[in-house]
Every structure is written in C-alpha cells, then in structure tokens.
Amino acid sequence: MVAHPYLGSSGLKVSEVAYGNWLTHGSQVEAETATRCVHKALDLGITAFGTADVYANTAAKSVLGKALAGQR
C-alpha cells in the first residue's frame, strides 16, 4: 500500500506516489490496457494522477479521464 500524507492543512489525503501517463496513454498503450493500469494503481492506493493536454495530442488526458470515470 502507498502512504497517504495530508495535503497541507486541507485534510485531503494524497498518495506519495503519483501515476503519470506522459508516454503511454493515447499513443503507446491501448486504452483498455491503460484502463487496467489505472484501476490497478487505484487498488494499490495511488490517488494522485498526472497528465497534460499536450500528452499524445490530448489523447492521454481523455484516456485517463475515461479510466477514472465512475471510480472512487
């Protein structure tokens, strides 16, 4: 499991490890595989996800959003 320190005094817990999708989602990894990876990251306690609109010409953001849809 990943430790969850608090983000400042907000009371929001954030994992110490982040999941980034720069070189994978939307270009090198199929969406179904990316979704499985995101779900596994959640299962392992990762709560911080990093992406940007320039990754894979916005496709990375879309793939990550769809993978997180309906998740806790």
N, C-alpha and C. Protein backbone atom coordinates (compact mmCIF):
# COMPACT_ATOMS: atom_id res chain seq x y z
N MET A 1 0.83 -1.18 0.00
CA MET A 1 0.00 0.00 0.00
C MET A 1 0.87 1.24 0.00
N VAL A 2 0.33 2.29 -0.55
CA VAL A 2 1.02 3.57 -0.64
C VAL A 2 0.60 4.44 0.54
N ALA A 3 1.55 5.11 1.18
CA ALA A 3 1.24 6.01 2.29
C ALA A 3 0.47 7.22 1.77
N HIS A 4 -0.37 7.77 2.63
CA HIS A 4 -1.21 8.91 2.24
C HIS A 4 -1.03 10.08 3.21
N PRO A 5 -0.07 10.93 2.94
CA PRO A 5 0.07 12.13 3.79
C PRO A 5 -1.03 13.14 3.45
N TYR A 6 -1.23 14.05 4.35
CA TYR A 6 -2.23 15.09 4.11
C TYR A 6 -1.65 16.20 3.25
N LEU A 7 -2.48 16.78 2.43
CA LEU A 7 -2.09 17.90 1.58
C LEU A 7 -2.29 19.18 2.38
N GLY A 8 -1.17 19.68 2.92
CA GLY A 8 -1.22 20.89 3.75
C GLY A 8 -2.18 20.68 4.91
N SER A 9 -2.97 21.69 5.21
CA SER A 9 -3.94 21.59 6.30
C SER A 9 -5.36 21.33 5.77
N SER A 10 -5.44 20.90 4.52
CA SER A 10 -6.74 20.71 3.89
C SER A 10 -7.49 19.48 4.38
N GLY A 11 -6.77 18.53 4.95
CA GLY A 11 -7.40 17.28 5.34
C GLY A 11 -7.50 16.28 4.20
N LEU A 12 -7.10 16.70 3.00
CA LEU A 12 -7.13 15.83 1.83
C LEU A 12 -5.92 14.91 1.86
N LYS A 13 -6.15 13.61 1.77
CA LYS A 13 -5.05 12.65 1.74
C LYS A 13 -4.62 12.40 0.29
N VAL A 14 -3.32 12.42 0.05
CA VAL A 14 -2.78 12.24 -1.29
C VAL A 14 -1.66 11.20 -1.21
N SER A 15 -1.62 10.28 -2.15
CA SER A 15 -0.58 9.26 -2.14
C SER A 15 0.79 9.89 -2.37
N GLU A 16 1.82 9.27 -1.81
CA GLU A 16 3.19 9.74 -2.00
C GLU A 16 3.70 9.42 -3.40
N VAL A 17 3.07 8.47 -4.04
CA VAL A 17 3.43 8.06 -5.39
C VAL A 17 2.36 8.55 -6.34
N ALA A 18 2.76 9.10 -7.47
CA ALA A 18 1.80 9.56 -8.47
C ALA A 18 1.90 8.69 -9.72
N TYR A 19 0.81 8.58 -10.41
CA TYR A 19 0.76 7.83 -11.67
C TYR A 19 0.74 8.85 -12.81
N GLY A 20 1.74 8.80 -13.66
CA GLY A 20 1.80 9.71 -14.80
C GLY A 20 1.58 8.96 -16.10
N ASN A 21 1.00 9.63 -17.08
CA ASN A 21 0.69 8.93 -18.33
C ASN A 21 1.28 9.62 -19.56
N TRP A 22 2.39 10.25 -19.39
CA TRP A 22 3.00 11.02 -20.46
C TRP A 22 3.28 10.21 -21.72
N LEU A 23 4.03 9.14 -21.61
CA LEU A 23 4.45 8.39 -22.80
C LEU A 23 3.60 7.16 -23.09
N THR A 24 2.52 6.99 -22.37
CA THR A 24 1.80 5.74 -22.53
C THR A 24 0.39 5.91 -23.08
N HIS A 25 -0.46 6.53 -22.33
CA HIS A 25 -1.87 6.61 -22.73
C HIS A 25 -2.06 7.42 -24.00
N GLY A 26 -2.85 6.89 -24.89
CA GLY A 26 -3.19 7.60 -26.10
C GLY A 26 -2.21 7.47 -27.24
N SER A 27 -1.06 6.81 -26.98
CA SER A 27 -0.10 6.67 -28.07
C SER A 27 0.57 5.30 -28.08
N GLN A 28 1.13 4.86 -26.98
CA GLN A 28 1.89 3.61 -26.97
C GLN A 28 1.16 2.44 -26.32
N VAL A 29 0.12 2.72 -25.57
CA VAL A 29 -0.62 1.68 -24.86
C VAL A 29 -2.10 1.79 -25.23
N GLU A 30 -2.70 0.67 -25.55
CA GLU A 30 -4.12 0.65 -25.90
C GLU A 30 -4.96 1.14 -24.72
N ALA A 31 -6.09 1.75 -25.00
CA ALA A 31 -6.95 2.32 -23.97
C ALA A 31 -7.38 1.29 -22.94
N GLU A 32 -7.69 0.08 -23.39
CA GLU A 32 -8.11 -0.97 -22.46
C GLU A 32 -7.00 -1.33 -21.49
N THR A 33 -5.79 -1.42 -21.97
CA THR A 33 -4.64 -1.71 -21.11
C THR A 33 -4.38 -0.54 -20.16
N ALA A 34 -4.47 0.67 -20.67
CA ALA A 34 -4.28 1.85 -19.83
C ALA A 34 -5.31 1.87 -18.70
N THR A 35 -6.55 1.53 -19.01
CA THR A 35 -7.61 1.50 -18.00
C THR A 35 -7.29 0.47 -16.93
N ARG A 36 -6.83 -0.69 -17.32
CA ARG A 36 -6.45 -1.72 -16.34
C ARG A 36 -5.32 -1.21 -15.45
N CYS A 37 -4.35 -0.51 -16.04
CA CYS A 37 -3.23 0.04 -15.26
C CYS A 37 -3.72 1.07 -14.25
N VAL A 38 -4.61 1.95 -14.67
CA VAL A 38 -5.16 2.98 -13.77
C VAL A 38 -5.93 2.31 -12.63
N HIS A 39 -6.73 1.32 -12.94
CA HIS A 39 -7.51 0.63 -11.91
C HIS A 39 -6.60 -0.09 -10.93
N LYS A 40 -5.51 -0.67 -11.42
CA LYS A 40 -4.55 -1.33 -10.54
C LYS A 40 -3.88 -0.30 -9.63
N ALA A 41 -3.54 0.86 -10.20
CA ALA A 41 -2.94 1.93 -9.39
C ALA A 41 -3.89 2.33 -8.27
N LEU A 42 -5.16 2.47 -8.58
CA LEU A 42 -6.15 2.79 -7.54
C LEU A 42 -6.21 1.69 -6.49
N ASP A 43 -6.21 0.44 -6.92
CA ASP A 43 -6.23 -0.69 -5.99
C ASP A 43 -5.03 -0.68 -5.06
N LEU A 44 -3.90 -0.19 -5.55
CA LEU A 44 -2.68 -0.14 -4.75
C LEU A 44 -2.60 1.11 -3.88
N GLY A 45 -3.59 1.98 -3.96
CA GLY A 45 -3.63 3.15 -3.10
C GLY A 45 -3.15 4.44 -3.72
N ILE A 46 -2.86 4.44 -5.00
CA ILE A 46 -2.43 5.67 -5.66
C ILE A 46 -3.64 6.56 -5.88
N THR A 47 -3.53 7.81 -5.44
CA THR A 47 -4.64 8.75 -5.56
C THR A 47 -4.24 10.00 -6.35
N ALA A 48 -2.98 10.10 -6.73
CA ALA A 48 -2.50 11.27 -7.49
C ALA A 48 -2.19 10.83 -8.91
N PHE A 49 -2.77 11.50 -9.88
CA PHE A 49 -2.58 11.17 -11.28
C PHE A 49 -2.12 12.41 -12.02
N GLY A 50 -1.10 12.25 -12.86
CA GLY A 50 -0.56 13.39 -13.59
C GLY A 50 -0.73 13.22 -15.09
N THR A 51 -1.22 14.27 -15.74
CA THR A 51 -1.38 14.28 -17.18
C THR A 51 -1.36 15.73 -17.65
N ALA A 52 -1.36 15.92 -18.94
CA ALA A 52 -1.41 17.28 -19.50
C ALA A 52 -2.05 17.20 -20.88
N ASP A 53 -2.59 18.32 -21.32
CA ASP A 53 -3.28 18.32 -22.61
C ASP A 53 -2.34 18.15 -23.79
N VAL A 54 -1.04 18.30 -23.59
CA VAL A 54 -0.10 18.12 -24.70
C VAL A 54 0.37 16.67 -24.86
N TYR A 55 0.08 15.82 -23.90
CA TYR A 55 0.50 14.42 -23.99
C TYR A 55 -0.34 13.71 -25.05
N ALA A 56 0.31 13.15 -26.04
CA ALA A 56 -0.34 12.42 -27.14
C ALA A 56 -1.43 13.27 -27.79
N ASN A 57 -1.15 14.56 -27.93
CA ASN A 57 -2.11 15.48 -28.57
C ASN A 57 -3.50 15.42 -27.93
N THR A 58 -3.54 15.48 -26.63
CA THR A 58 -4.74 15.45 -25.76
C THR A 58 -5.32 14.06 -25.52
N ALA A 59 -4.86 13.06 -26.24
CA ALA A 59 -5.43 11.71 -26.07
C ALA A 59 -5.15 11.14 -24.69
N ALA A 60 -3.98 11.44 -24.11
CA ALA A 60 -3.64 10.89 -22.80
C ALA A 60 -4.64 11.35 -21.75
N LYS A 61 -5.03 12.60 -21.81
CA LYS A 61 -6.00 13.15 -20.87
C LYS A 61 -7.36 12.47 -21.02
N SER A 62 -7.76 12.25 -22.23
CA SER A 62 -9.05 11.60 -22.49
C SER A 62 -9.06 10.17 -21.98
N VAL A 63 -7.98 9.45 -22.24
CA VAL A 63 -7.88 8.05 -21.80
C VAL A 63 -7.92 7.99 -20.27
N LEU A 64 -7.16 8.87 -19.62
CA LEU A 64 -7.14 8.88 -18.16
C LEU A 64 -8.52 9.23 -17.59
N GLY A 65 -9.16 10.22 -18.18
CA GLY A 65 -10.50 10.60 -17.72
C GLY A 65 -11.49 9.47 -17.83
N LYS A 66 -11.46 8.75 -18.93
CA LYS A 66 -12.38 7.62 -19.11
C LYS A 66 -12.05 6.51 -18.14
N ALA A 67 -10.75 6.27 -17.88
CA ALA A 67 -10.34 5.23 -16.95
C ALA A 67 -10.78 5.54 -15.51
N LEU A 68 -10.81 6.83 -15.17
CA LEU A 68 -11.19 7.24 -13.82
C LEU A 68 -12.70 7.42 -13.65
N ALA A 69 -13.43 7.48 -14.75
CA ALA A 69 -14.88 7.68 -14.67
C ALA A 69 -15.54 6.58 -13.86
N GLY A 70 -16.32 6.98 -12.89
CA GLY A 70 -17.04 6.02 -12.06
C GLY A 70 -16.23 5.39 -10.96
N GLN A 71 -14.96 5.75 -10.84
CA GLN A 71 -14.11 5.20 -9.80
C GLN A 71 -14.24 6.03 -8.53
N ARG A 72 -13.77 5.49 -7.44
CA ARG A 72 -13.83 6.20 -6.16
C ARG A 72 -12.93 7.40 -6.13
